[in-house]
Protein backbone atom coordinates (compact mmCIF):
# COMPACT_ATOMS: atom_id res chain seq x y z
CA MET A 1 44.17 -58.75 -3.54
CA SER A 2 40.79 -58.28 -5.09
CA ARG A 3 39.48 -60.69 -7.65
CA HIS A 4 39.91 -58.02 -10.34
CA VAL A 5 43.67 -57.86 -9.98
CA GLU A 6 44.46 -61.54 -9.25
CA PRO A 7 44.82 -62.48 -12.94
CA THR A 8 47.16 -59.55 -13.42
CA VAL A 9 49.25 -60.55 -10.41
CA ALA A 10 49.32 -64.19 -11.54
CA ALA A 11 50.53 -63.16 -14.99
CA ALA A 12 53.17 -60.90 -13.45
CA TYR A 13 54.29 -63.73 -11.17
CA ARG A 14 54.56 -66.11 -14.11
CA GLU A 15 56.63 -63.61 -16.04
CA ASP A 16 58.91 -62.95 -13.07
CA SER A 17 59.28 -66.69 -12.43
CA ASP A 18 60.17 -67.30 -16.07
CA ARG A 19 62.95 -64.72 -15.93
CA SER A 20 64.29 -66.21 -12.73
CA LEU A 21 63.92 -69.77 -14.08
CA ARG A 22 66.03 -69.04 -17.17
CA ARG A 23 68.86 -67.72 -15.00
CA ARG A 24 68.58 -70.65 -12.59
CA LEU A 25 68.57 -73.21 -15.42
CA ASP A 26 71.84 -71.76 -16.68
CA LEU A 27 73.30 -72.20 -13.20
CA THR A 28 71.85 -75.72 -12.87
CA ALA A 29 73.30 -76.83 -16.22
CA ALA A 30 76.71 -75.40 -15.31
CA LEU A 31 76.75 -77.11 -11.89
CA PHE A 32 75.65 -80.44 -13.39
CA THR A 33 78.37 -80.24 -16.01
CA VAL A 34 81.04 -79.51 -13.39
CA MET A 35 79.86 -82.19 -10.93
CA MET A 36 79.64 -84.83 -13.66
CA GLY A 37 83.15 -83.87 -14.70
CA PHE A 38 84.35 -84.76 -11.18
CA SER A 39 82.39 -88.00 -11.41
CA ILE A 40 84.20 -88.93 -14.65
CA ALA A 41 87.53 -88.28 -12.99
CA LEU A 42 86.62 -90.59 -10.11
CA GLU A 43 85.37 -93.29 -12.49
CA HIS A 44 88.61 -93.05 -14.45
CA VAL A 45 90.61 -93.58 -11.25
CA TYR A 46 88.60 -96.49 -9.86
CA HIS A 47 87.25 -98.01 -13.10
CA PRO A 48 89.54 -97.08 -15.97
CA GLU A 49 87.88 -99.65 -18.20
CA ARG A 50 84.68 -97.54 -18.20
CA THR A 51 86.41 -94.30 -19.25
CA GLY A 52 85.43 -94.46 -22.91
CA MET A 53 81.77 -95.18 -22.20
CA ILE A 54 81.37 -92.53 -19.48
CA VAL A 55 83.12 -89.87 -21.58
CA ALA A 56 80.72 -90.57 -24.43
CA ILE A 57 77.74 -90.28 -22.11
CA TYR A 58 79.23 -87.08 -20.63
CA VAL A 59 79.50 -85.58 -24.13
CA VAL A 60 75.83 -86.36 -24.67
CA GLU A 61 74.96 -84.70 -21.34
CA VAL A 62 76.93 -81.58 -22.28
CA LEU A 63 75.09 -81.43 -25.61
CA VAL A 64 71.76 -81.81 -23.79
CA CYS A 65 72.65 -78.91 -21.46
CA ALA A 66 73.77 -76.75 -24.40
CA ALA A 67 70.60 -77.50 -26.35
CA GLY A 68 68.48 -76.71 -23.31
CA ALA A 69 70.24 -73.39 -22.84
CA VAL A 70 69.51 -72.46 -26.45
CA PHE A 71 65.82 -73.32 -26.24
CA TRP A 72 64.84 -72.07 -22.77
CA HIS A 73 66.12 -68.58 -23.61
CA ARG A 74 63.66 -68.28 -26.47
CA ALA A 75 60.72 -66.12 -25.41
CA ALA A 76 58.26 -68.18 -27.45
CA LEU A 77 59.06 -71.37 -25.53
CA ASP A 78 58.04 -72.23 -21.99
CA PRO A 79 61.24 -72.53 -19.91
CA ARG A 80 59.50 -74.98 -17.55
CA GLY A 81 58.85 -77.49 -20.31
CA VAL A 82 62.29 -77.06 -21.84
CA GLY A 83 64.00 -77.32 -18.45
CA ALA A 84 62.00 -80.41 -17.49
CA CYS A 85 62.91 -82.08 -20.79
CA MET A 86 66.60 -81.30 -20.22
CA ALA A 87 66.53 -82.67 -16.65
CA ALA A 88 64.64 -85.80 -17.79
CA ALA A 89 67.20 -86.35 -20.57
CA LEU A 90 70.07 -86.02 -18.07
CA SER A 91 68.35 -88.51 -15.76
CA LEU A 92 68.00 -90.96 -18.65
CA CYS A 93 71.70 -90.52 -19.49
CA MET A 94 72.53 -91.48 -15.91
CA SER A 95 70.23 -94.54 -16.24
CA TRP A 96 71.93 -95.39 -19.54
CA TYR A 97 75.31 -95.47 -17.81
CA VAL A 98 74.02 -97.68 -14.99
CA GLY A 99 72.44 -100.14 -17.43
CA ALA A 100 75.43 -100.21 -19.80
CA ALA A 101 78.18 -100.36 -17.18
CA GLY A 102 76.34 -102.39 -14.60
CA ALA A 103 77.12 -99.85 -11.91
CA PRO A 104 75.71 -100.41 -8.39
CA VAL A 105 72.08 -99.35 -8.17
CA GLU A 106 72.63 -97.71 -4.76
CA ARG A 107 75.05 -95.25 -6.40
CA PHE A 108 72.54 -94.65 -9.18
CA ALA A 109 69.72 -93.96 -6.71
CA THR A 110 71.97 -91.59 -4.75
CA ALA A 111 72.87 -89.67 -7.91
CA GLN A 112 69.22 -89.42 -8.99
CA VAL A 113 68.08 -88.23 -5.57
CA CYS A 114 70.88 -85.64 -5.60
CA LEU A 115 69.70 -84.47 -9.02
CA LEU A 116 66.07 -84.17 -7.87
CA SER A 117 67.05 -82.37 -4.66
CA GLY A 118 69.21 -79.92 -6.56
CA LEU A 119 66.40 -79.21 -9.01
CA VAL A 120 63.79 -78.45 -6.33
CA ALA A 121 66.20 -76.09 -4.56
CA LEU A 122 67.58 -74.31 -7.62
CA VAL A 123 64.81 -73.97 -10.19
CA PRO A 124 61.42 -72.32 -9.44
CA TRP A 125 59.43 -74.35 -11.93
CA GLY A 126 56.60 -75.72 -9.78
CA TRP A 127 55.45 -79.20 -8.88
CA ARG A 128 54.41 -80.36 -12.35
CA ALA A 129 57.89 -80.14 -13.86
CA GLN A 130 59.37 -81.70 -10.72
CA LEU A 131 56.88 -84.55 -10.87
CA GLY A 132 57.70 -85.16 -14.52
CA VAL A 133 61.43 -85.42 -13.87
CA SER A 134 60.83 -87.65 -10.80
CA THR A 135 58.68 -89.98 -12.87
CA VAL A 136 61.29 -90.23 -15.63
CA ALA A 137 64.00 -90.91 -13.02
CA THR A 138 61.95 -93.76 -11.55
CA LEU A 139 61.20 -95.22 -14.97
CA GLY A 140 64.88 -94.93 -15.81
CA LEU A 141 65.75 -97.07 -12.82
CA VAL A 142 63.18 -99.67 -13.90
CA ILE A 143 64.52 -99.72 -17.47
CA ALA A 144 68.18 -99.78 -16.41
CA THR A 145 67.68 -102.71 -14.04
CA SER A 146 65.06 -104.63 -16.02
CA ARG A 147 67.62 -107.27 -17.08
CA LEU A 148 68.96 -107.73 -13.58
CA ALA A 149 67.61 -110.06 -10.95
CA ALA A 150 65.65 -108.45 -8.13
CA THR A 151 67.81 -107.94 -5.08
CA GLU A 152 67.56 -106.21 -1.72
CA GLU A 153 69.79 -103.40 -3.01
CA MET A 154 67.44 -102.79 -5.96
CA ALA A 155 64.41 -102.66 -3.64
CA TYR A 156 66.02 -100.10 -1.35
CA ALA A 157 67.26 -98.09 -4.31
CA ALA A 158 63.77 -98.00 -5.78
CA LEU A 159 62.31 -96.96 -2.41
CA ALA A 160 64.93 -94.24 -2.02
CA LEU A 161 64.22 -92.90 -5.49
CA LEU A 162 60.45 -93.04 -4.96
CA THR A 163 60.82 -91.22 -1.65
CA GLY A 164 63.10 -88.58 -3.17
CA GLY A 165 60.73 -88.02 -6.07
CA THR A 166 57.68 -87.71 -3.78
CA THR A 167 59.28 -85.36 -1.25
CA THR A 168 60.87 -83.13 -3.90
CA THR A 169 57.54 -82.90 -5.76
CA PHE A 170 55.76 -81.77 -2.61
CA GLY A 171 58.69 -79.48 -1.84
CA ALA A 172 58.40 -77.87 -5.26
CA PHE A 173 54.67 -77.39 -4.68
CA PHE A 174 55.11 -75.69 -1.29
CA LEU A 175 58.06 -73.61 -2.45
CA ASP A 176 56.05 -72.37 -5.41
CA ARG A 177 53.17 -71.51 -3.09
CA TYR A 178 55.53 -69.64 -0.80
CA ARG A 179 57.09 -67.73 -3.71
CA TYR A 180 53.66 -66.81 -5.05
CA ASP A 181 52.40 -65.62 -1.67
CA ALA A 182 55.54 -63.53 -1.17
CA PHE A 183 55.14 -62.07 -4.66
CA VAL A 184 51.49 -61.21 -3.97
CA ARG A 185 52.41 -59.55 -0.66
CA ALA A 186 55.12 -57.52 -2.36
CA ALA A 187 52.70 -56.57 -5.15
CA ARG A 188 50.14 -55.52 -2.51
CA GLU A 189 52.69 -53.40 -0.72
CA ARG A 190 53.82 -51.78 -3.95
CA GLU A 191 50.21 -51.10 -4.91
CA GLU A 192 49.41 -49.68 -1.47
CA ALA A 193 52.50 -47.47 -1.61
CA GLY A 194 51.60 -46.32 -5.12
CA ILE A 195 48.01 -45.53 -4.14
CA ALA A 196 49.14 -43.71 -0.99
CA ALA A 197 51.70 -41.67 -2.92
CA ALA A 198 49.14 -40.79 -5.60
CA LEU A 199 46.56 -39.70 -3.02
CA VAL A 200 49.13 -37.65 -1.10
CA HIS A 201 50.09 -35.91 -4.35
CA ILE A 202 46.43 -35.26 -5.12
CA GLY A 203 45.78 -33.89 -1.63
CA GLU A 204 48.82 -31.59 -1.79
CA THR A 205 47.82 -30.33 -5.23
CA LEU A 206 44.26 -29.59 -4.15
CA ASN A 207 45.37 -27.86 -0.94
CA ALA A 208 47.72 -25.67 -2.97
CA HIS A 209 44.85 -24.54 -5.24
CA LEU A 210 41.91 -24.25 -2.84
CA ASP A 211 41.17 -20.70 -3.93
CA GLY A 212 41.74 -21.39 -7.62
CA ALA A 213 38.90 -21.34 -10.13
CA ASP A 214 40.40 -24.41 -11.84
CA MET A 215 40.58 -26.61 -8.73
CA LEU A 216 37.95 -29.11 -9.92
CA GLU A 217 39.51 -29.22 -13.36
CA ARG A 218 42.74 -30.22 -11.67
CA VAL A 219 40.81 -32.98 -9.90
CA ASN A 220 39.68 -34.39 -13.24
CA ARG A 221 43.13 -34.12 -14.76
CA LEU A 222 44.67 -35.93 -11.77
CA ALA A 223 41.95 -38.60 -11.99
CA ILE A 224 42.82 -39.30 -15.63
CA GLU A 225 46.54 -39.48 -14.82
CA THR A 226 46.25 -41.76 -11.78
CA ILE A 227 43.30 -43.96 -12.72
CA GLY A 228 44.27 -44.22 -16.37
CA CYS A 229 40.82 -43.47 -17.80
CA ASP A 230 39.92 -41.50 -20.95
CA TRP A 231 37.80 -38.76 -19.39
CA SER A 232 36.70 -37.42 -16.02
CA SER A 233 33.83 -35.13 -14.98
CA THR A 234 32.85 -33.42 -11.73
CA PHE A 235 29.27 -32.46 -10.98
CA VAL A 236 28.56 -30.25 -7.95
CA TRP A 237 25.24 -29.70 -6.19
CA ASP A 238 23.63 -26.34 -6.96
CA ASP A 239 21.25 -25.24 -4.19
CA ALA A 240 19.60 -22.65 -6.39
CA ARG A 241 18.67 -25.18 -9.07
CA GLY A 242 18.22 -28.13 -6.75
CA ALA A 243 20.36 -30.34 -9.00
CA PHE A 244 23.90 -31.38 -9.80
CA ARG A 245 25.63 -29.23 -12.43
CA LEU A 246 28.81 -29.88 -14.42
CA HIS A 247 31.67 -27.83 -12.97
CA ALA A 248 34.64 -29.42 -14.71
CA ASN A 249 35.47 -31.98 -17.40
CA VAL A 250 38.73 -33.20 -18.87
CA GLY A 251 39.04 -35.61 -21.77
CA SER A 252 35.66 -35.18 -23.46
CA SER A 253 35.12 -33.27 -26.70
CA PRO A 254 34.05 -29.59 -26.56
CA GLU A 255 30.64 -30.60 -27.94
CA VAL A 256 30.09 -33.13 -25.13
CA ARG A 257 31.22 -30.62 -22.49
CA ALA A 258 28.88 -27.97 -23.85
CA GLU A 259 25.96 -30.38 -23.81
CA LEU A 260 26.75 -31.68 -20.33
CA ALA A 261 26.89 -28.11 -19.02
CA GLN A 262 23.24 -27.64 -19.97
CA ILE A 263 22.00 -30.63 -17.99
CA ASP A 264 20.50 -30.45 -14.50
CA VAL A 265 20.89 -33.83 -12.77
CA GLY A 266 18.38 -34.18 -9.95
CA TRP A 267 18.03 -37.02 -7.47
CA ASP A 268 15.24 -38.50 -9.56
CA ALA A 269 16.95 -38.04 -12.94
CA PHE A 270 17.64 -41.79 -13.35
CA PRO A 271 17.90 -44.90 -11.12
CA LEU A 272 21.66 -44.60 -10.61
CA MET A 273 21.20 -41.48 -8.48
CA HIS A 274 19.47 -43.53 -5.80
CA GLN A 275 22.50 -45.86 -5.65
CA LEU A 276 24.91 -43.07 -4.65
CA ARG A 277 26.00 -43.33 -1.03
CA ALA A 278 29.01 -41.89 0.78
CA GLY A 279 32.04 -44.16 0.53
CA GLU A 280 30.52 -46.41 -2.15
CA ILE A 281 31.09 -46.71 -5.89
CA VAL A 282 28.57 -47.37 -8.62
CA GLU A 283 30.36 -49.19 -11.43
CA LEU A 284 29.06 -49.58 -14.98
CA PRO A 285 31.41 -52.03 -16.72
CA ASP A 286 29.26 -51.83 -19.85
CA ALA A 287 27.47 -48.49 -20.05
CA VAL A 288 25.12 -49.64 -22.80
CA HIS A 289 23.93 -52.94 -21.32
CA GLN A 290 22.64 -51.73 -17.95
CA SER A 291 19.51 -50.15 -16.52
CA LEU A 292 20.84 -47.48 -14.13
CA VAL A 293 21.48 -44.77 -16.75
CA PRO A 294 19.66 -44.48 -20.11
CA ALA A 295 21.74 -46.30 -22.72
CA ALA A 296 20.92 -43.65 -25.33
CA MET A 297 22.45 -40.97 -23.09
CA GLN A 298 25.60 -43.03 -22.62
CA ARG A 299 25.99 -43.55 -26.36
CA ARG A 300 25.39 -39.86 -27.00
CA PHE A 301 28.17 -38.82 -24.63
CA GLY A 302 30.59 -41.55 -25.75
CA VAL A 303 30.55 -43.53 -22.50
CA ALA A 304 31.60 -47.17 -22.79
CA SER A 305 32.23 -47.83 -19.08
CA ALA A 306 32.27 -45.57 -16.03
CA LEU A 307 32.77 -45.27 -12.27
CA TYR A 308 30.38 -43.00 -10.36
CA VAL A 309 31.77 -41.86 -7.00
CA PRO A 310 29.88 -39.52 -4.64
CA ILE A 311 31.77 -36.51 -3.28
CA ALA A 312 30.32 -36.58 0.20
CA GLY A 313 30.62 -33.98 2.94
CA ARG A 314 29.78 -34.57 6.58
CA THR A 315 26.04 -34.86 6.09
CA GLN A 316 25.28 -34.93 2.38
CA VAL A 317 26.53 -35.72 -1.10
CA ARG A 318 27.91 -32.47 -2.48
CA GLY A 319 29.05 -33.73 -5.85
CA ILE A 320 29.71 -36.67 -8.16
CA LEU A 321 33.07 -37.66 -9.65
CA ILE A 322 32.64 -39.72 -12.84
CA ASN A 323 35.60 -41.43 -14.52
CA GLY A 324 35.36 -43.63 -17.57
CA TYR A 325 36.38 -44.88 -21.00
CA THR A 326 35.06 -44.03 -24.43
CA GLU A 327 35.64 -47.48 -25.97
CA ARG A 328 36.91 -49.96 -23.37
CA THR A 329 34.37 -52.03 -21.51
CA GLY A 330 34.81 -54.42 -18.62
CA ALA A 331 35.31 -54.29 -14.89
CA PHE A 332 37.61 -51.70 -13.33
CA THR A 333 40.51 -52.90 -11.22
CA GLY A 334 40.61 -52.70 -7.46
CA ARG A 335 43.36 -50.10 -7.72
CA GLN A 336 41.22 -47.91 -9.97
CA ARG A 337 38.27 -48.18 -7.61
CA ARG A 338 40.34 -47.28 -4.56
CA LEU A 339 41.96 -44.34 -6.33
CA ALA A 340 38.57 -43.08 -7.44
CA LEU A 341 37.28 -43.25 -3.85
CA GLY A 342 40.42 -41.52 -2.55
CA ILE A 343 40.18 -38.73 -5.13
CA ALA A 344 36.50 -38.19 -4.32
CA HIS A 345 37.30 -38.00 -0.59
CA ALA A 346 40.16 -35.55 -1.17
CA THR A 347 37.86 -33.46 -3.36
CA ALA A 348 35.18 -33.41 -0.66
CA VAL A 349 37.74 -32.20 1.88
CA ALA A 350 39.05 -29.58 -0.56
CA LEU A 351 35.54 -28.30 -1.31
CA GLU A 352 34.78 -28.06 2.40
CA ASN A 353 38.06 -26.24 3.05
CA ALA A 354 37.40 -23.90 0.13
CA ARG A 355 33.94 -23.13 1.54
CA LEU A 356 35.41 -22.46 4.99
CA ILE A 357 38.06 -20.19 3.48
CA THR A 358 35.39 -18.27 1.58
CA ASP A 359 33.33 -17.89 4.77
CA LEU A 360 36.39 -16.76 6.71
CA GLN A 361 37.34 -14.27 4.00
CA SER A 362 33.81 -12.91 4.01
CA ALA A 363 33.82 -12.63 7.81
CA ASN A 364 37.26 -11.03 7.75
CA ARG A 365 36.11 -8.58 5.10
CA LEU A 366 33.08 -7.64 7.20
CA LYS A 367 35.33 -7.29 10.25
CA SER A 368 37.76 -5.06 8.35
CA GLU A 369 34.95 -2.89 7.04
CA PHE A 370 33.46 -2.59 10.51
CA VAL A 371 36.82 -1.72 12.10
CA ALA A 372 37.58 0.80 9.35
CA THR A 373 34.17 2.43 9.74
CA MET A 374 34.38 2.56 13.53
CA SER A 375 37.96 3.84 13.44
CA HIS A 376 36.98 6.57 11.02
CA GLU A 377 34.02 7.56 13.15
CA LEU A 378 36.22 7.60 16.26
CA ARG A 379 38.93 9.64 14.58
CA THR A 380 36.57 12.45 13.63
CA PRO A 381 35.58 13.46 17.19
CA LEU A 382 39.15 12.84 18.36
CA ASN A 383 40.45 15.33 15.80
CA VAL A 384 37.93 17.81 17.11
CA ILE A 385 39.04 17.18 20.70
CA THR A 386 42.74 17.54 19.89
CA GLY A 387 42.02 20.62 17.78
CA TYR A 388 40.17 22.41 20.56
CA ALA A 389 42.79 21.25 23.07
CA ASP A 390 45.48 22.85 20.89
CA LEU A 391 43.46 26.06 20.65
CA LEU A 392 43.02 26.14 24.41
CA ALA A 393 46.73 25.45 24.96
CA GLU A 394 47.58 28.35 22.64
CA GLU A 395 45.20 30.52 24.74
CA THR A 396 43.07 31.34 21.71
CA PHE A 397 40.02 31.62 23.94
CA GLY A 398 41.80 33.48 26.70
CA PRO A 399 44.66 33.03 29.14
CA LEU A 400 44.99 29.84 31.21
CA THR A 401 45.93 29.52 34.82
CA ALA A 402 48.59 27.08 36.00
CA ASP A 403 45.88 24.88 37.51
CA GLN A 404 44.08 24.76 34.14
CA ARG A 405 47.15 24.11 31.98
CA ASP A 406 48.15 20.80 33.61
CA PRO A 407 44.77 18.99 33.16
CA LEU A 408 44.52 20.42 29.67
CA GLN A 409 47.87 18.85 28.79
CA ARG A 410 46.67 15.53 30.21
CA VAL A 411 43.53 15.69 28.07
CA ARG A 412 45.57 16.62 25.03
CA ARG A 413 48.10 13.80 25.60
CA SER A 414 45.40 11.17 26.15
CA ALA A 415 43.51 12.30 23.04
CA ILE A 416 46.68 12.04 20.96
CA GLU A 417 47.41 8.55 22.34
CA LEU A 418 43.88 7.44 21.55
CA LEU A 419 44.16 8.93 18.06
CA ASP A 420 47.39 7.01 17.54
CA LEU A 421 45.63 3.78 18.50
CA VAL A 422 42.84 4.50 16.04
CA ASN A 423 45.36 5.32 13.30
CA ALA A 424 47.27 2.11 14.05
CA THR A 425 44.04 0.14 13.71
CA LEU A 426 43.35 1.78 10.34
CA ASP A 427 46.94 1.12 9.20
CA LEU A 428 46.64 -2.54 10.17
CA GLY A 429 43.33 -2.85 8.32
CA ARG A 430 44.89 -1.50 5.13
CA LEU A 431 47.88 -3.81 5.48
CA GLU A 432 45.74 -6.89 6.11
CA SER A 433 43.48 -6.12 3.16
CA GLY A 434 46.45 -6.02 0.80
CA ARG A 435 45.46 -2.63 -0.55
CA GLU A 436 48.56 -0.91 0.80
CA THR A 437 51.35 -0.42 -1.78
CA PRO A 438 54.43 1.86 -1.79
CA ALA A 439 53.84 5.29 -3.33
CA LEU A 440 57.33 6.60 -4.10
CA ALA A 441 57.80 10.34 -4.56
CA PRO A 442 60.35 13.02 -3.61
CA VAL A 443 60.10 13.80 0.11
CA ASP A 444 61.51 16.85 1.93
CA LEU A 445 63.06 15.26 5.01
CA GLY A 446 63.42 18.57 6.82
CA ASP A 447 59.70 19.28 6.62
CA LEU A 448 58.87 15.66 7.50
CA PHE A 449 60.95 15.55 10.69
CA ALA A 450 59.83 18.99 11.75
CA GLU A 451 56.25 17.77 11.46
CA LEU A 452 57.12 14.66 13.47
CA ALA A 453 58.71 16.75 16.21
CA ARG A 454 55.54 18.85 16.53
CA GLU A 455 53.25 15.81 16.67
CA LEU A 456 55.36 13.91 19.19
CA GLU A 457 55.98 16.87 21.48
CA PRO A 458 52.80 16.36 23.55
CA LEU A 459 53.82 12.72 24.19
CA VAL A 460 57.22 13.60 25.71
CA PRO A 461 57.15 13.19 29.52
CA SER A 462 58.65 15.97 31.56
CA SER A 463 61.38 13.61 32.76
CA VAL A 464 62.45 12.58 29.23
CA ALA A 465 64.44 14.49 26.61
CA LEU A 466 63.62 13.81 22.94
CA ARG A 467 66.57 14.63 20.67
CA TRP A 468 66.54 14.70 16.86
CA ASN A 469 69.95 14.13 15.31
CA THR A 470 69.50 14.47 11.56
CA ALA A 471 72.32 14.39 9.05
CA PHE A 472 70.89 14.42 5.57
CA PRO A 473 71.48 16.64 2.54
CA ASP A 474 69.22 19.56 1.82
CA ARG A 475 67.66 17.66 -1.04
CA ALA A 476 64.58 15.58 -1.53
CA LEU A 477 64.63 11.81 -0.97
CA VAL A 478 62.58 9.43 -3.10
CA THR A 479 60.52 7.24 -0.76
CA ASP A 480 56.98 6.81 0.57
CA ARG A 481 56.37 9.81 2.84
CA VAL A 482 53.35 8.39 4.68
CA LYS A 483 54.98 5.04 5.42
CA LEU A 484 58.29 6.61 6.48
CA LYS A 485 56.44 8.98 8.81
CA THR A 486 54.48 6.07 10.33
CA ILE A 487 57.71 4.09 10.89
CA VAL A 488 59.50 6.97 12.64
CA LYS A 489 56.45 8.01 14.66
CA ASN A 490 55.73 4.48 15.88
CA LEU A 491 59.36 3.79 16.86
CA ALA A 492 59.82 7.16 18.61
CA GLY A 493 56.41 6.95 20.29
CA ASN A 494 57.18 3.41 21.46
CA ALA A 495 60.52 4.58 22.89
CA LEU A 496 58.85 7.49 24.73
CA LYS A 497 56.20 5.16 26.16
CA PHE A 498 58.76 2.75 27.66
CA THR A 499 61.21 5.39 28.92
CA PRO A 500 60.02 6.71 32.31
CA SER A 501 63.06 8.99 32.55
CA GLY A 502 66.20 9.73 30.61
CA ARG A 503 66.30 10.46 26.89
CA VAL A 504 65.24 9.24 23.47
CA ASP A 505 67.55 9.92 20.51
CA VAL A 506 66.39 9.74 16.90
CA ASP A 507 69.39 9.58 14.54
CA VAL A 508 68.85 9.89 10.78
CA VAL A 509 71.60 9.46 8.19
CA VAL A 510 71.27 9.41 4.40
CA ALA A 511 74.20 7.87 2.52
CA ASP A 512 74.82 5.45 -0.34
CA ASP A 513 71.22 5.60 -1.59
CA ALA A 514 69.90 4.47 1.78
CA LEU A 515 68.25 6.09 4.77
CA THR A 516 69.38 4.76 8.14
CA LEU A 517 67.19 5.50 11.13
CA ALA A 518 68.24 4.64 14.69
CA VAL A 519 65.93 5.21 17.65
CA ARG A 520 67.76 4.87 21.00
CA ASP A 521 66.24 5.11 24.45
CA THR A 522 67.27 4.69 28.06
CA GLY A 523 64.06 2.92 29.00
CA ILE A 524 63.17 -0.40 30.57
CA GLY A 525 64.70 -2.50 27.78
CA ILE A 526 63.64 -5.92 26.52
CA ALA A 527 64.69 -9.31 27.88
CA PRO A 528 66.55 -11.55 25.36
CA GLU A 529 63.82 -14.23 25.43
CA HIS A 530 61.23 -11.66 24.35
CA LEU A 531 63.14 -10.22 21.37
CA PRO A 532 61.95 -12.86 18.83
CA VAL A 533 58.25 -11.97 19.39
CA ILE A 534 58.20 -8.18 19.75
CA PHE A 535 57.12 -7.71 16.11
CA ASP A 536 54.15 -10.06 16.43
CA MET A 537 50.65 -8.62 16.14
CA PHE A 538 48.99 -7.68 19.45
CA ARG A 539 52.10 -8.75 21.34
CA GLN A 540 52.65 -7.08 24.71
CA ILE A 541 55.54 -8.22 26.88
CA ASP A 542 53.43 -7.41 29.93
CA GLY A 543 49.96 -8.66 29.04
CA SER A 544 48.43 -8.37 32.50
CA SER A 545 45.48 -6.15 33.31
CA THR A 546 47.69 -4.19 35.70
CA ARG A 547 50.46 -3.42 33.24
CA ARG A 548 52.19 -0.03 33.55
CA PHE A 549 52.24 0.80 29.83
CA GLY A 550 49.24 1.09 27.54
CA GLY A 551 48.77 0.12 23.91
CA VAL A 552 47.49 -2.93 22.04
CA GLY A 553 50.75 -4.16 20.55
CA LEU A 554 50.35 -2.99 16.95
CA GLY A 555 53.06 -0.35 16.63
CA LEU A 556 56.11 -2.58 16.09
CA HIS A 557 54.12 -5.03 13.96
CA ILE A 558 53.10 -2.19 11.63
CA VAL A 559 56.68 -0.90 11.55
CA LYS A 560 57.96 -4.36 10.53
CA ARG A 561 55.32 -4.68 7.77
CA LEU A 562 56.02 -1.19 6.39
CA VAL A 563 59.81 -1.63 6.45
CA THR A 564 59.45 -4.91 4.55
CA MET A 565 57.10 -3.23 2.06
CA LEU A 566 59.77 -0.60 1.40
CA SER A 567 62.40 -3.36 0.86
CA GLY A 568 64.21 -2.37 4.05
CA THR A 569 65.50 -4.10 7.15
CA ILE A 570 65.00 -3.59 10.88
CA ALA A 571 67.18 -4.75 13.76
CA VAL A 572 66.93 -4.36 17.51
CA GLU A 573 69.44 -4.42 20.35
CA SER A 574 68.26 -4.18 23.94
CA THR A 575 69.42 -4.65 27.50
CA PRO A 576 66.95 -4.78 30.39
CA ASP A 577 67.03 -1.62 32.57
CA VAL A 578 69.54 -0.01 30.17
CA GLY A 579 67.59 0.70 27.00
CA SER A 580 66.88 -0.34 23.44
CA THR A 581 68.04 0.61 19.95
CA PHE A 582 65.93 0.02 16.85
CA THR A 583 67.79 0.44 13.56
CA VAL A 584 65.96 0.71 10.24
CA THR A 585 67.64 0.82 6.82
CA ILE A 586 65.52 1.71 3.80
CA PRO A 587 66.69 2.04 0.17
CA ALA A 588 66.07 5.68 -0.85
CA ARG A 589 67.53 7.70 -3.68
CA VAL A 590 68.47 11.36 -3.25
CA VAL A 591 67.28 13.51 -6.16
CA GLY A 592 69.10 16.62 -7.39
CA GLU A 593 67.55 19.88 -6.31
CA GLU A 594 64.04 18.61 -6.74
CA ARG A 595 61.88 19.33 -3.70
CA ALA A 596 58.65 17.81 -2.49
CA THR A 597 55.66 19.92 -3.40
CA ALA A 598 53.28 18.48 -0.84
């Protein structure tokens, strides 16, 4: 423990020992009363003539124990002194009996040594109280035997009592040391656990609010709560001004905050700035009587004592965390200093993470803008290519021969596939930017699926049959037309891509305010171990450069995102070499006779 917290720990140990001592003294008094009761019974059996005297002495001993119990439970009295007085009085009562009855001194010495041994084992009162009782016991033997002639038995009894008193005094000393060391270790562990828990809480709070404008204010509020100070301020380095500027303050008056916000603190502002180093604290136990910061400034801002902790990044000090009191002066505790260092470190990490997040967001924004621009520029010539390909296929510019029609269809199909990739990239960009929201309106499903059939027709291989099985009322459905079209087109296009031969069925049912879409194919299917990842971005089951099927793995990811946006669900069932079925259910309300106008 640091020197700042030792007095606190010592006081806590004394208080804990006093509580324990009061309970142990109750037990000691009860055991003494019971054991002496057995002694009286034995004396009555073997020496009935002493019964009256020993009963009288026993009554006195009971009264001594009762009086002790009354006094050592009073908070104003020291239980060590009261307990030692009680034990000394009981020892004198035992000496009284030996002197009055002329009992053998060996028995007296044995009883006294038993008393001293019991005291050192039962009561945590330290060596001073034990020494006092041992001294009284020895003096009691001298007084009780002062009228008797010196004998060998008396010499051995005195030696036994002196030995018992000495060993129990040292025993009390070492036991007290052991108890104190154990208490200090436990206090250390509790303090370490408390500091660790506080810093974990602070780190979690900061990580949860990295992108919040009030993150540094939260730092100051947490500093006040954990350190126990009156106010807390955070200054952050401003590159433009070349100085530290106040970014957050909690606990100071609005006037002080307003004034602090106007101050630029440079490295040469006052001597304290040259003392700031990463991982070190500058402590001002008395803000007025020091030379590191102008005393007039401290008085003006109501600073009585303060801790200055640098918020250091990898290579430089990026800020200063200042915690302090408005009236209290004196040294801060080791716990407060460690918490202040921990909070400053967590703040440095949070600031660095916030900067990295900002940089990543900026880079991602630039990437999204670039992809959107490039996709738009690519889509324009692709629309021209597909448009002219359609005109040629319709023989607008003249009849086509059989040899011309096949390559034209290949060009047309490839252009449409490339356009779908570009559109998927644009869709993903809108989804990732968070700008995409549902736009619900009445949708004519007949027109929508007719449009889908026309757009997907060029993608249907000659060996595959695309079937549309629609069962919906001749009324408009309230949903997002663009998103629903993208979902159906991506699922059907994906099925056509992975079905070399056979058929693809698109079943649509509207019932119970929900649209259910099932896309079934007889394609290559999906292995069970791959099903959990098919909706991941850029996921291709066959990712090799020689794969049979094209695409970048965005179609199903976009479908999943759009279905979720429309509050729907999607499920998939697949068997390798048999086929797959994707089922989508989207809440959608059928409206009367209202029709879509667009």
